[in-house]
Amino acid sequence: MSTAREDLLAAGLAVFDRDGFEGATVAEIRSRARASNGSFFHFFTSKKQLAGTLFLEILQAYHAAIITAVNDTHGAGEGVARLIRAHLDWVVTFRREARFLFEISRSEWSEEVRGAQRTENSRLIDSIERWRAPLLARGELQPMSATLFFSQIIGPAQIFCRAYLSGRHPGDPREQVETLIACAIRAVVPPGAPERAGGTS
């Protein structure tokens, strides 16, 4: 059974998705969650704080899906494919959350939220690096910074998914997964690099 806090976060997500951040009101969020004014302000000081909390919880869930996609048994090509598939699967499965994370979330979060976001991003990069570092050492991946590597893998898929989330691309983005994987592999895997058994499935 959900808690009052969880109900408010779920209501906030629904209202932000429908009305945007600017259009959403505390009254509408409370009404959807069937929460009193006192209950809302027991958990959150403002609409912005609720939105920042929601942003961090969604970010953590997204990162968890990406982190669990690869481990040290996956070679370069297979790992790249699994990361892209994980991104696309999460966006389609959690479309409302993805819209909030990538389309609706605010740029002027509090410094506390910004700091927590930086920490979460560092954890994601560190987890991916644990898989990537041995492949770099063996020459199975192109040498580049962790940030550049991740942007080459997820960046194009994320741009494509933004078109899906905004309605500009009506089809399921997973229909283009093989093309996205092939382009990413060309960007980060050296031509002729060895690939361990396992393929790109």
N, C-alpha and C. Protein backbone atom coordinates (compact mmCIF):
# COMPACT_ATOMS: atom_id res chain seq x y z
N MET A 1 0.85 -1.20 0.00
CA MET A 1 0.00 0.00 0.00
C MET A 1 0.88 1.25 0.00
N SER A 2 0.54 2.20 -0.85
CA SER A 2 1.38 3.39 -0.98
C SER A 2 1.22 4.31 0.23
N THR A 3 2.24 5.11 0.47
CA THR A 3 2.22 6.07 1.56
C THR A 3 1.71 7.41 1.05
N ALA A 4 1.41 8.33 1.97
CA ALA A 4 0.95 9.66 1.58
C ALA A 4 2.02 10.37 0.75
N ARG A 5 3.28 10.20 1.13
CA ARG A 5 4.37 10.83 0.36
C ARG A 5 4.41 10.28 -1.05
N GLU A 6 4.31 8.94 -1.19
CA GLU A 6 4.33 8.33 -2.52
C GLU A 6 3.13 8.78 -3.35
N ASP A 7 1.97 8.92 -2.70
CA ASP A 7 0.79 9.39 -3.42
C ASP A 7 0.99 10.81 -3.95
N LEU A 8 1.61 11.66 -3.14
CA LEU A 8 1.87 13.04 -3.58
C LEU A 8 2.86 13.07 -4.73
N LEU A 9 3.90 12.24 -4.68
CA LEU A 9 4.88 12.20 -5.78
C LEU A 9 4.23 11.69 -7.06
N ALA A 10 3.39 10.65 -6.94
CA ALA A 10 2.70 10.12 -8.12
C ALA A 10 1.74 11.16 -8.69
N ALA A 11 1.05 11.86 -7.81
CA ALA A 11 0.14 12.90 -8.27
C ALA A 11 0.91 14.04 -8.93
N GLY A 12 2.05 14.41 -8.33
CA GLY A 12 2.87 15.45 -8.93
C GLY A 12 3.33 15.07 -10.32
N LEU A 13 3.76 13.84 -10.49
CA LEU A 13 4.21 13.38 -11.82
C LEU A 13 3.08 13.50 -12.83
N ALA A 14 1.89 13.06 -12.45
CA ALA A 14 0.76 13.12 -13.37
C ALA A 14 0.39 14.56 -13.73
N VAL A 15 0.40 15.43 -12.74
CA VAL A 15 0.02 16.83 -12.98
C VAL A 15 1.10 17.54 -13.79
N PHE A 16 2.37 17.31 -13.48
CA PHE A 16 3.45 17.91 -14.26
C PHE A 16 3.40 17.43 -15.71
N ASP A 17 3.08 16.15 -15.89
CA ASP A 17 3.02 15.59 -17.25
C ASP A 17 1.90 16.22 -18.05
N ARG A 18 0.79 16.50 -17.39
CA ARG A 18 -0.37 17.08 -18.08
C ARG A 18 -0.24 18.58 -18.27
N ASP A 19 0.22 19.30 -17.20
CA ASP A 19 0.17 20.76 -17.21
C ASP A 19 1.53 21.44 -17.33
N GLY A 20 2.62 20.66 -17.27
CA GLY A 20 3.95 21.26 -17.22
C GLY A 20 4.24 21.79 -15.83
N PHE A 21 5.49 22.17 -15.59
CA PHE A 21 5.85 22.64 -14.25
C PHE A 21 5.16 23.95 -13.93
N GLU A 22 5.18 24.87 -14.85
CA GLU A 22 4.60 26.20 -14.59
C GLU A 22 3.10 26.11 -14.36
N GLY A 23 2.42 25.25 -15.12
CA GLY A 23 0.97 25.16 -15.02
C GLY A 23 0.48 24.37 -13.82
N ALA A 24 1.33 23.52 -13.27
CA ALA A 24 0.93 22.69 -12.13
C ALA A 24 0.76 23.54 -10.88
N THR A 25 -0.18 23.15 -10.04
CA THR A 25 -0.40 23.86 -8.78
C THR A 25 -0.39 22.86 -7.63
N VAL A 26 -0.05 23.36 -6.45
CA VAL A 26 -0.09 22.53 -5.25
C VAL A 26 -1.52 22.04 -5.04
N ALA A 27 -2.49 22.89 -5.27
CA ALA A 27 -3.89 22.51 -5.06
C ALA A 27 -4.28 21.33 -5.94
N GLU A 28 -3.85 21.36 -7.19
CA GLU A 28 -4.18 20.27 -8.11
C GLU A 28 -3.47 18.98 -7.71
N ILE A 29 -2.22 19.10 -7.29
CA ILE A 29 -1.48 17.92 -6.84
C ILE A 29 -2.14 17.32 -5.60
N ARG A 30 -2.53 18.19 -4.65
CA ARG A 30 -3.19 17.71 -3.44
C ARG A 30 -4.52 17.03 -3.78
N SER A 31 -5.27 17.63 -4.69
CA SER A 31 -6.56 17.08 -5.07
C SER A 31 -6.40 15.69 -5.68
N ARG A 32 -5.44 15.55 -6.57
CA ARG A 32 -5.23 14.26 -7.23
C ARG A 32 -4.76 13.20 -6.23
N ALA A 33 -3.94 13.61 -5.26
CA ALA A 33 -3.44 12.68 -4.25
C ALA A 33 -4.42 12.48 -3.10
N ARG A 34 -5.50 13.28 -3.10
CA ARG A 34 -6.48 13.26 -2.00
C ARG A 34 -5.78 13.52 -0.67
N ALA A 35 -4.93 14.54 -0.70
CA ALA A 35 -4.14 14.89 0.48
C ALA A 35 -4.54 16.28 0.98
N SER A 36 -4.46 16.47 2.26
CA SER A 36 -4.76 17.77 2.85
C SER A 36 -3.59 18.73 2.63
N ASN A 37 -3.87 20.01 2.84
CA ASN A 37 -2.82 21.02 2.76
C ASN A 37 -1.70 20.71 3.76
N GLY A 38 -2.13 20.33 4.98
CA GLY A 38 -1.14 20.01 6.01
C GLY A 38 -0.29 18.82 5.64
N SER A 39 -0.90 17.82 4.99
CA SER A 39 -0.15 16.63 4.57
C SER A 39 0.90 16.99 3.52
N PHE A 40 0.50 17.83 2.56
CA PHE A 40 1.46 18.24 1.54
C PHE A 40 2.67 18.92 2.18
N PHE A 41 2.40 19.91 3.02
CA PHE A 41 3.49 20.70 3.58
C PHE A 41 4.24 19.98 4.70
N HIS A 42 3.71 18.84 5.13
CA HIS A 42 4.47 17.98 6.04
C HIS A 42 5.66 17.36 5.32
N PHE A 43 5.46 17.04 4.03
CA PHE A 43 6.50 16.36 3.26
C PHE A 43 7.32 17.32 2.39
N PHE A 44 6.69 18.37 1.87
CA PHE A 44 7.36 19.25 0.91
C PHE A 44 7.07 20.71 1.26
N THR A 45 8.08 21.55 1.10
CA THR A 45 7.90 22.96 1.40
C THR A 45 7.25 23.71 0.25
N SER A 46 7.28 23.13 -0.96
CA SER A 46 6.77 23.83 -2.14
C SER A 46 6.61 22.84 -3.29
N LYS A 47 5.96 23.31 -4.33
CA LYS A 47 5.86 22.54 -5.57
C LYS A 47 7.25 22.24 -6.12
N LYS A 48 8.13 23.22 -6.04
CA LYS A 48 9.47 23.04 -6.58
C LYS A 48 10.24 21.96 -5.82
N GLN A 49 10.07 21.90 -4.50
CA GLN A 49 10.76 20.86 -3.74
C GLN A 49 10.22 19.48 -4.08
N LEU A 50 8.90 19.37 -4.23
CA LEU A 50 8.33 18.09 -4.65
C LEU A 50 8.90 17.68 -6.01
N ALA A 51 8.96 18.64 -6.93
CA ALA A 51 9.47 18.34 -8.27
C ALA A 51 10.94 17.92 -8.22
N GLY A 52 11.74 18.57 -7.37
CA GLY A 52 13.14 18.20 -7.24
C GLY A 52 13.31 16.81 -6.66
N THR A 53 12.49 16.48 -5.68
CA THR A 53 12.52 15.14 -5.09
C THR A 53 12.13 14.10 -6.13
N LEU A 54 11.09 14.39 -6.88
CA LEU A 54 10.63 13.49 -7.94
C LEU A 54 11.72 13.30 -8.99
N PHE A 55 12.38 14.38 -9.37
CA PHE A 55 13.46 14.32 -10.35
C PHE A 55 14.56 13.36 -9.89
N LEU A 56 14.98 13.48 -8.62
CA LEU A 56 16.06 12.63 -8.12
C LEU A 56 15.63 11.17 -8.05
N GLU A 57 14.40 10.91 -7.64
CA GLU A 57 13.95 9.52 -7.55
C GLU A 57 13.85 8.88 -8.93
N ILE A 58 13.38 9.64 -9.91
CA ILE A 58 13.30 9.12 -11.27
C ILE A 58 14.71 8.93 -11.84
N LEU A 59 15.60 9.89 -11.57
CA LEU A 59 16.98 9.77 -12.04
C LEU A 59 17.63 8.50 -11.49
N GLN A 60 17.43 8.22 -10.21
CA GLN A 60 17.99 7.02 -9.60
C GLN A 60 17.44 5.76 -10.24
N ALA A 61 16.15 5.74 -10.53
CA ALA A 61 15.54 4.57 -11.17
C ALA A 61 16.09 4.36 -12.58
N TYR A 62 16.25 5.46 -13.32
CA TYR A 62 16.82 5.38 -14.67
C TYR A 62 18.26 4.87 -14.62
N HIS A 63 19.05 5.44 -13.74
CA HIS A 63 20.45 5.01 -13.62
C HIS A 63 20.54 3.55 -13.22
N ALA A 64 19.67 3.09 -12.34
CA ALA A 64 19.69 1.68 -11.93
C ALA A 64 19.46 0.77 -13.13
N ALA A 65 18.55 1.16 -14.02
CA ALA A 65 18.29 0.36 -15.21
C ALA A 65 19.51 0.30 -16.13
N ILE A 66 20.23 1.42 -16.23
CA ILE A 66 21.42 1.46 -17.08
C ILE A 66 22.56 0.68 -16.44
N ILE A 67 22.78 0.87 -15.15
CA ILE A 67 23.90 0.22 -14.45
C ILE A 67 23.79 -1.30 -14.52
N THR A 68 22.58 -1.82 -14.35
CA THR A 68 22.41 -3.27 -14.33
C THR A 68 22.48 -3.90 -15.72
N ALA A 69 22.59 -3.08 -16.76
CA ALA A 69 22.62 -3.62 -18.12
C ALA A 69 23.93 -4.30 -18.46
N VAL A 70 25.05 -3.89 -17.83
CA VAL A 70 26.35 -4.44 -18.21
C VAL A 70 27.12 -4.91 -16.98
N ASN A 71 27.95 -5.92 -17.22
CA ASN A 71 28.90 -6.38 -16.20
C ASN A 71 30.14 -6.91 -16.91
N ASP A 72 31.08 -7.43 -16.14
CA ASP A 72 32.38 -7.78 -16.73
C ASP A 72 32.34 -9.01 -17.63
N THR A 73 31.17 -9.63 -17.79
CA THR A 73 31.07 -10.75 -18.73
C THR A 73 30.76 -10.27 -20.15
N HIS A 74 30.43 -9.00 -20.30
CA HIS A 74 30.01 -8.47 -21.60
C HIS A 74 31.17 -7.82 -22.33
N GLY A 75 31.38 -8.21 -23.57
CA GLY A 75 32.39 -7.58 -24.39
C GLY A 75 31.94 -6.20 -24.86
N ALA A 76 32.78 -5.57 -25.69
CA ALA A 76 32.53 -4.19 -26.09
C ALA A 76 31.22 -4.05 -26.86
N GLY A 77 31.07 -4.79 -27.94
CA GLY A 77 29.87 -4.67 -28.75
C GLY A 77 28.61 -5.07 -28.01
N GLU A 78 28.71 -6.15 -27.26
CA GLU A 78 27.55 -6.60 -26.51
C GLU A 78 27.16 -5.58 -25.44
N GLY A 79 28.16 -5.02 -24.76
CA GLY A 79 27.88 -4.03 -23.73
C GLY A 79 27.23 -2.79 -24.30
N VAL A 80 27.75 -2.30 -25.41
CA VAL A 80 27.17 -1.13 -26.07
C VAL A 80 25.71 -1.41 -26.42
N ALA A 81 25.45 -2.58 -26.98
CA ALA A 81 24.08 -2.93 -27.36
C ALA A 81 23.17 -2.99 -26.15
N ARG A 82 23.67 -3.56 -25.06
CA ARG A 82 22.84 -3.70 -23.86
C ARG A 82 22.54 -2.34 -23.23
N LEU A 83 23.50 -1.43 -23.26
CA LEU A 83 23.26 -0.09 -22.72
C LEU A 83 22.18 0.65 -23.51
N ILE A 84 22.26 0.57 -24.83
CA ILE A 84 21.27 1.25 -25.66
C ILE A 84 19.90 0.62 -25.49
N ARG A 85 19.84 -0.71 -25.46
CA ARG A 85 18.56 -1.38 -25.26
C ARG A 85 17.95 -1.01 -23.90
N ALA A 86 18.80 -0.94 -22.88
CA ALA A 86 18.31 -0.58 -21.54
C ALA A 86 17.71 0.82 -21.54
N HIS A 87 18.38 1.75 -22.22
CA HIS A 87 17.86 3.12 -22.31
C HIS A 87 16.51 3.15 -23.01
N LEU A 88 16.42 2.52 -24.17
CA LEU A 88 15.18 2.54 -24.92
C LEU A 88 14.05 1.84 -24.17
N ASP A 89 14.35 0.70 -23.57
CA ASP A 89 13.33 -0.03 -22.81
C ASP A 89 12.78 0.81 -21.66
N TRP A 90 13.69 1.49 -20.95
CA TRP A 90 13.24 2.31 -19.82
C TRP A 90 12.36 3.46 -20.29
N VAL A 91 12.76 4.13 -21.34
CA VAL A 91 11.99 5.27 -21.85
C VAL A 91 10.59 4.84 -22.27
N VAL A 92 10.49 3.71 -22.97
CA VAL A 92 9.18 3.26 -23.43
C VAL A 92 8.33 2.74 -22.27
N THR A 93 8.94 1.98 -21.37
CA THR A 93 8.20 1.41 -20.24
C THR A 93 7.74 2.48 -19.26
N PHE A 94 8.58 3.49 -19.07
CA PHE A 94 8.28 4.56 -18.11
C PHE A 94 8.21 5.90 -18.84
N ARG A 95 7.30 5.96 -19.79
CA ARG A 95 7.25 7.14 -20.67
C ARG A 95 6.97 8.42 -19.90
N ARG A 96 6.05 8.37 -18.94
CA ARG A 96 5.72 9.58 -18.18
C ARG A 96 6.93 10.05 -17.37
N GLU A 97 7.62 9.09 -16.72
CA GLU A 97 8.82 9.44 -15.96
C GLU A 97 9.91 9.98 -16.87
N ALA A 98 10.05 9.37 -18.05
CA ALA A 98 11.07 9.82 -19.00
C ALA A 98 10.77 11.23 -19.49
N ARG A 99 9.50 11.52 -19.72
CA ARG A 99 9.14 12.88 -20.14
C ARG A 99 9.52 13.89 -19.07
N PHE A 100 9.27 13.54 -17.82
CA PHE A 100 9.63 14.45 -16.75
C PHE A 100 11.14 14.62 -16.65
N LEU A 101 11.86 13.51 -16.74
CA LEU A 101 13.32 13.55 -16.59
C LEU A 101 13.99 14.30 -17.73
N PHE A 102 13.57 14.04 -18.95
CA PHE A 102 14.27 14.58 -20.12
C PHE A 102 13.60 15.80 -20.74
N GLU A 103 12.31 15.99 -20.49
CA GLU A 103 11.58 17.05 -21.17
C GLU A 103 11.06 18.15 -20.24
N ILE A 104 10.57 17.76 -19.06
CA ILE A 104 9.86 18.72 -18.21
C ILE A 104 10.73 19.23 -17.07
N SER A 105 11.72 18.44 -16.64
CA SER A 105 12.48 18.79 -15.44
C SER A 105 13.11 20.18 -15.58
N ARG A 106 13.28 20.84 -14.45
CA ARG A 106 13.70 22.23 -14.41
C ARG A 106 15.21 22.38 -14.42
N SER A 107 15.68 23.48 -14.96
CA SER A 107 17.12 23.75 -14.96
C SER A 107 17.56 24.48 -13.69
N GLU A 108 16.61 25.09 -12.97
CA GLU A 108 16.98 25.88 -11.80
C GLU A 108 16.64 25.17 -10.50
N TRP A 109 17.03 23.88 -10.41
CA TRP A 109 16.84 23.17 -9.15
C TRP A 109 17.66 23.84 -8.05
N SER A 110 17.32 23.53 -6.81
CA SER A 110 18.11 24.05 -5.69
C SER A 110 19.51 23.44 -5.75
N GLU A 111 20.44 24.06 -5.07
CA GLU A 111 21.81 23.54 -5.06
C GLU A 111 21.85 22.16 -4.42
N GLU A 112 20.96 21.91 -3.47
CA GLU A 112 20.91 20.59 -2.85
C GLU A 112 20.55 19.52 -3.89
N VAL A 113 19.56 19.82 -4.72
CA VAL A 113 19.17 18.87 -5.76
C VAL A 113 20.29 18.75 -6.80
N ARG A 114 20.88 19.87 -7.15
CA ARG A 114 21.98 19.84 -8.12
C ARG A 114 23.14 18.99 -7.61
N GLY A 115 23.47 19.15 -6.32
CA GLY A 115 24.55 18.37 -5.74
C GLY A 115 24.23 16.89 -5.75
N ALA A 116 22.99 16.53 -5.41
CA ALA A 116 22.57 15.13 -5.43
C ALA A 116 22.60 14.59 -6.85
N GLN A 117 22.24 15.42 -7.83
CA GLN A 117 22.29 15.00 -9.23
C GLN A 117 23.73 14.71 -9.64
N ARG A 118 24.66 15.57 -9.26
CA ARG A 118 26.07 15.34 -9.60
C ARG A 118 26.57 14.03 -8.97
N THR A 119 26.16 13.78 -7.73
CA THR A 119 26.55 12.53 -7.07
C THR A 119 26.01 11.32 -7.81
N GLU A 120 24.74 11.38 -8.19
CA GLU A 120 24.12 10.27 -8.93
C GLU A 120 24.81 10.06 -10.28
N ASN A 121 25.12 11.16 -10.96
CA ASN A 121 25.80 11.04 -12.26
C ASN A 121 27.18 10.42 -12.11
N SER A 122 27.87 10.79 -11.03
CA SER A 122 29.20 10.21 -10.78
C SER A 122 29.10 8.71 -10.50
N ARG A 123 28.08 8.30 -9.77
CA ARG A 123 27.88 6.88 -9.51
C ARG A 123 27.63 6.11 -10.79
N LEU A 124 26.84 6.71 -11.67
CA LEU A 124 26.57 6.06 -12.95
C LEU A 124 27.85 5.89 -13.75
N ILE A 125 28.62 6.97 -13.87
CA ILE A 125 29.87 6.91 -14.64
C ILE A 125 30.83 5.90 -14.02
N ASP A 126 30.95 5.89 -12.69
CA ASP A 126 31.85 4.95 -12.03
C ASP A 126 31.44 3.51 -12.31
N SER A 127 30.15 3.24 -12.32
CA SER A 127 29.67 1.88 -12.59
C SER A 127 29.97 1.46 -14.03
N ILE A 128 29.74 2.36 -14.97
CA ILE A 128 30.04 2.06 -16.36
C ILE A 128 31.55 1.89 -16.56
N GLU A 129 32.33 2.67 -15.83
CA GLU A 129 33.80 2.58 -15.96
C GLU A 129 34.32 1.23 -15.47
N ARG A 130 33.67 0.64 -14.49
CA ARG A 130 34.12 -0.68 -14.02
C ARG A 130 34.00 -1.72 -15.13
N TRP A 131 33.01 -1.56 -15.99
CA TRP A 131 32.88 -2.45 -17.15
C TRP A 131 33.83 -2.01 -18.27
N ARG A 132 33.97 -0.71 -18.48
CA ARG A 132 34.71 -0.20 -19.64
C ARG A 132 36.22 -0.29 -19.49
N ALA A 133 36.75 -0.08 -18.29
CA ALA A 133 38.20 0.03 -18.11
C ALA A 133 38.98 -1.18 -18.64
N PRO A 134 38.57 -2.42 -18.34
CA PRO A 134 39.32 -3.57 -18.88
C PRO A 134 39.27 -3.64 -20.40
N LEU A 135 38.15 -3.23 -20.98
CA LEU A 135 38.02 -3.24 -22.44
C LEU A 135 38.94 -2.20 -23.07
N LEU A 136 39.06 -1.04 -22.42
CA LEU A 136 40.01 -0.03 -22.88
C LEU A 136 41.43 -0.57 -22.83
N ALA A 137 41.76 -1.23 -21.74
CA ALA A 137 43.12 -1.75 -21.56
C ALA A 137 43.47 -2.78 -22.63
N ARG A 138 42.48 -3.53 -23.08
CA ARG A 138 42.72 -4.56 -24.10
C ARG A 138 42.56 -4.02 -25.52
N GLY A 139 42.24 -2.75 -25.67
CA GLY A 139 42.08 -2.17 -27.00
C GLY A 139 40.77 -2.51 -27.67
N GLU A 140 39.78 -2.95 -26.87
CA GLU A 140 38.49 -3.32 -27.44
C GLU A 140 37.55 -2.11 -27.57
N LEU A 141 37.92 -0.99 -26.94
CA LEU A 141 37.18 0.25 -27.07
C LEU A 141 38.13 1.39 -27.40
N GLN A 142 37.61 2.38 -28.12
CA GLN A 142 38.40 3.56 -28.45
C GLN A 142 38.73 4.34 -27.17
N PRO A 143 39.96 4.86 -27.06
CA PRO A 143 40.28 5.70 -25.90
C PRO A 143 39.55 7.04 -25.97
N MET A 144 38.80 7.34 -24.93
CA MET A 144 38.10 8.63 -24.80
C MET A 144 37.64 8.77 -23.36
N SER A 145 37.30 9.99 -22.98
CA SER A 145 36.85 10.21 -21.61
C SER A 145 35.55 9.48 -21.34
N ALA A 146 35.27 9.25 -20.06
CA ALA A 146 34.04 8.57 -19.68
C ALA A 146 32.81 9.35 -20.14
N THR A 147 32.88 10.67 -20.00
CA THR A 147 31.74 11.50 -20.39
C THR A 147 31.50 11.44 -21.89
N LEU A 148 32.59 11.50 -22.68
CA LEU A 148 32.45 11.42 -24.12
C LEU A 148 31.94 10.04 -24.54
N PHE A 149 32.44 9.00 -23.90
CA PHE A 149 31.98 7.65 -24.21
C PHE A 149 30.47 7.53 -24.00
N PHE A 150 30.01 7.98 -22.83
CA PHE A 150 28.59 7.85 -22.53
C PHE A 150 27.75 8.68 -23.50
N SER A 151 28.25 9.85 -23.88
CA SER A 151 27.49 10.68 -24.82
C SER A 151 27.40 10.03 -26.20
N GLN A 152 28.44 9.29 -26.59
CA GLN A 152 28.42 8.59 -27.87
C GLN A 152 27.44 7.42 -27.85
N ILE A 153 27.30 6.78 -26.68
CA ILE A 153 26.43 5.62 -26.57
C ILE A 153 24.97 6.04 -26.41
N ILE A 154 24.71 6.88 -25.42
CA ILE A 154 23.33 7.22 -25.06
C ILE A 154 22.84 8.49 -25.74
N GLY A 155 23.76 9.40 -26.08
CA GLY A 155 23.35 10.68 -26.66
C GLY A 155 22.43 10.57 -27.86
N PRO A 156 22.85 9.86 -28.93
CA PRO A 156 21.96 9.74 -30.09
C PRO A 156 20.62 9.09 -29.76
N ALA A 157 20.65 8.03 -28.92
CA ALA A 157 19.40 7.37 -28.54
C ALA A 157 18.51 8.33 -27.75
N GLN A 158 19.12 9.15 -26.92
CA GLN A 158 18.34 10.09 -26.11
C GLN A 158 17.72 11.17 -26.98
N ILE A 159 18.46 11.68 -27.94
CA ILE A 159 17.91 12.67 -28.86
C ILE A 159 16.74 12.08 -29.63
N PHE A 160 16.90 10.84 -30.09
CA PHE A 160 15.83 10.17 -30.82
C PHE A 160 14.62 9.96 -29.91
N CYS A 161 14.87 9.59 -28.65
CA CYS A 161 13.77 9.38 -27.71
C CYS A 161 13.04 10.67 -27.38
N ARG A 162 13.73 11.80 -27.40
CA ARG A 162 13.05 13.08 -27.16
C ARG A 162 11.97 13.32 -28.21
N ALA A 163 12.25 12.94 -29.46
CA ALA A 163 11.25 13.08 -30.51
C ALA A 163 10.04 12.19 -30.22
N TYR A 164 10.29 11.01 -29.71
CA TYR A 164 9.21 10.08 -29.32
C TYR A 164 8.42 10.65 -28.14
N LEU A 165 9.12 11.15 -27.13
CA LEU A 165 8.44 11.66 -25.93
C LEU A 165 7.60 12.89 -26.22
N SER A 166 8.04 13.70 -27.18
CA SER A 166 7.30 14.92 -27.51
C SER A 166 6.19 14.67 -28.54
N GLY A 167 6.15 13.44 -29.08
CA GLY A 167 5.16 13.13 -30.09
C GLY A 167 5.58 13.42 -31.51
N ARG A 168 6.80 13.94 -31.69
CA ARG A 168 7.28 14.24 -33.05
C ARG A 168 7.60 12.96 -33.83
N HIS A 169 7.92 11.88 -33.12
CA HIS A 169 8.14 10.58 -33.75
C HIS A 169 7.11 9.61 -33.18
N PRO A 170 6.13 9.18 -33.97
CA PRO A 170 5.03 8.40 -33.42
C PRO A 170 5.36 6.94 -33.12
N GLY A 171 6.40 6.39 -33.74
CA GLY A 171 6.70 4.98 -33.58
C GLY A 171 7.48 4.67 -32.32
N ASP A 172 7.49 3.39 -31.96
CA ASP A 172 8.28 2.90 -30.84
C ASP A 172 9.77 3.06 -31.19
N PRO A 173 10.55 3.79 -30.38
CA PRO A 173 11.97 4.00 -30.71
C PRO A 173 12.77 2.71 -30.74
N ARG A 174 12.29 1.66 -30.10
CA ARG A 174 13.00 0.39 -30.11
C ARG A 174 13.03 -0.24 -31.50
N GLU A 175 12.15 0.24 -32.39
CA GLU A 175 12.17 -0.27 -33.76
C GLU A 175 13.46 0.10 -34.48
N GLN A 176 14.16 1.13 -33.99
CA GLN A 176 15.41 1.58 -34.62
C GLN A 176 16.64 1.17 -33.81
N VAL A 177 16.47 0.20 -32.91
CA VAL A 177 17.56 -0.14 -32.00
C VAL A 177 18.79 -0.66 -32.73
N GLU A 178 18.63 -1.45 -33.76
CA GLU A 178 19.79 -2.01 -34.45
C GLU A 178 20.62 -0.92 -35.13
N THR A 179 19.95 0.07 -35.70
CA THR A 179 20.67 1.19 -36.32
C THR A 179 21.41 1.99 -35.27
N LEU A 180 20.77 2.27 -34.15
CA LEU A 180 21.42 3.02 -33.07
C LEU A 180 22.62 2.26 -32.53
N ILE A 181 22.49 0.95 -32.37
CA ILE A 181 23.61 0.13 -31.90
C ILE A 181 24.75 0.16 -32.89
N ALA A 182 24.45 -0.02 -34.17
CA ALA A 182 25.50 -0.05 -35.19
C ALA A 182 26.26 1.27 -35.23
N CYS A 183 25.53 2.39 -35.13
CA CYS A 183 26.19 3.70 -35.16
C CYS A 183 27.07 3.89 -33.92
N ALA A 184 26.59 3.47 -32.76
CA ALA A 184 27.36 3.61 -31.53
C ALA A 184 28.62 2.75 -31.57
N ILE A 185 28.49 1.54 -32.07
CA ILE A 185 29.66 0.66 -32.15
C ILE A 185 30.72 1.26 -33.07
N ARG A 186 30.29 1.83 -34.18
CA ARG A 186 31.26 2.48 -35.07
C ARG A 186 31.96 3.64 -34.38
N ALA A 187 31.27 4.29 -33.45
CA ALA A 187 31.85 5.45 -32.77
C ALA A 187 32.84 5.08 -31.68
N VAL A 188 32.65 3.94 -31.02
CA VAL A 188 33.47 3.65 -29.84
C VAL A 188 34.31 2.38 -29.93
N VAL A 189 34.04 1.52 -30.92
CA VAL A 189 34.81 0.28 -31.05
C VAL A 189 35.78 0.42 -32.22
N PRO A 190 37.09 0.24 -31.99
CA PRO A 190 38.04 0.37 -33.10
C PRO A 190 37.78 -0.68 -34.18
N PRO A 191 37.96 -0.31 -35.44
CA PRO A 191 37.80 -1.29 -36.51
C PRO A 191 38.74 -2.49 -36.29
N GLY A 192 38.21 -3.68 -36.41
CA GLY A 192 39.03 -4.87 -36.25
C GLY A 192 39.33 -5.25 -34.82
N ALA A 193 38.72 -4.54 -33.85
CA ALA A 193 38.97 -4.87 -32.45
C ALA A 193 38.40 -6.23 -32.13
N PRO A 194 39.07 -7.00 -31.26
CA PRO A 194 38.55 -8.32 -30.88
C PRO A 194 37.25 -8.19 -30.12
N GLU A 195 36.38 -9.15 -30.28
CA GLU A 195 35.10 -9.17 -29.56
C GLU A 195 34.91 -10.54 -28.95
N ARG A 196 34.69 -10.57 -27.67
CA ARG A 196 34.46 -11.84 -27.01
C ARG A 196 33.14 -12.45 -27.45
N ALA A 197 33.00 -13.72 -27.23
CA ALA A 197 31.77 -14.42 -27.59
C ALA A 197 30.59 -13.78 -26.86
N GLY A 198 29.45 -13.80 -27.51
CA GLY A 198 28.26 -13.24 -26.87
C GLY A 198 27.50 -12.33 -27.80
N GLY A 199 28.17 -11.82 -28.84
CA GLY A 199 27.49 -11.00 -29.84
C GLY A 199 26.95 -9.72 -29.28
N THR A 200 25.91 -9.20 -29.90
CA THR A 200 25.29 -7.94 -29.49
C THR A 200 23.84 -8.12 -29.07
N SER A 201 23.49 -9.32 -28.67
CA SER A 201 22.10 -9.58 -28.30
C SER A 201 21.79 -9.04 -26.93
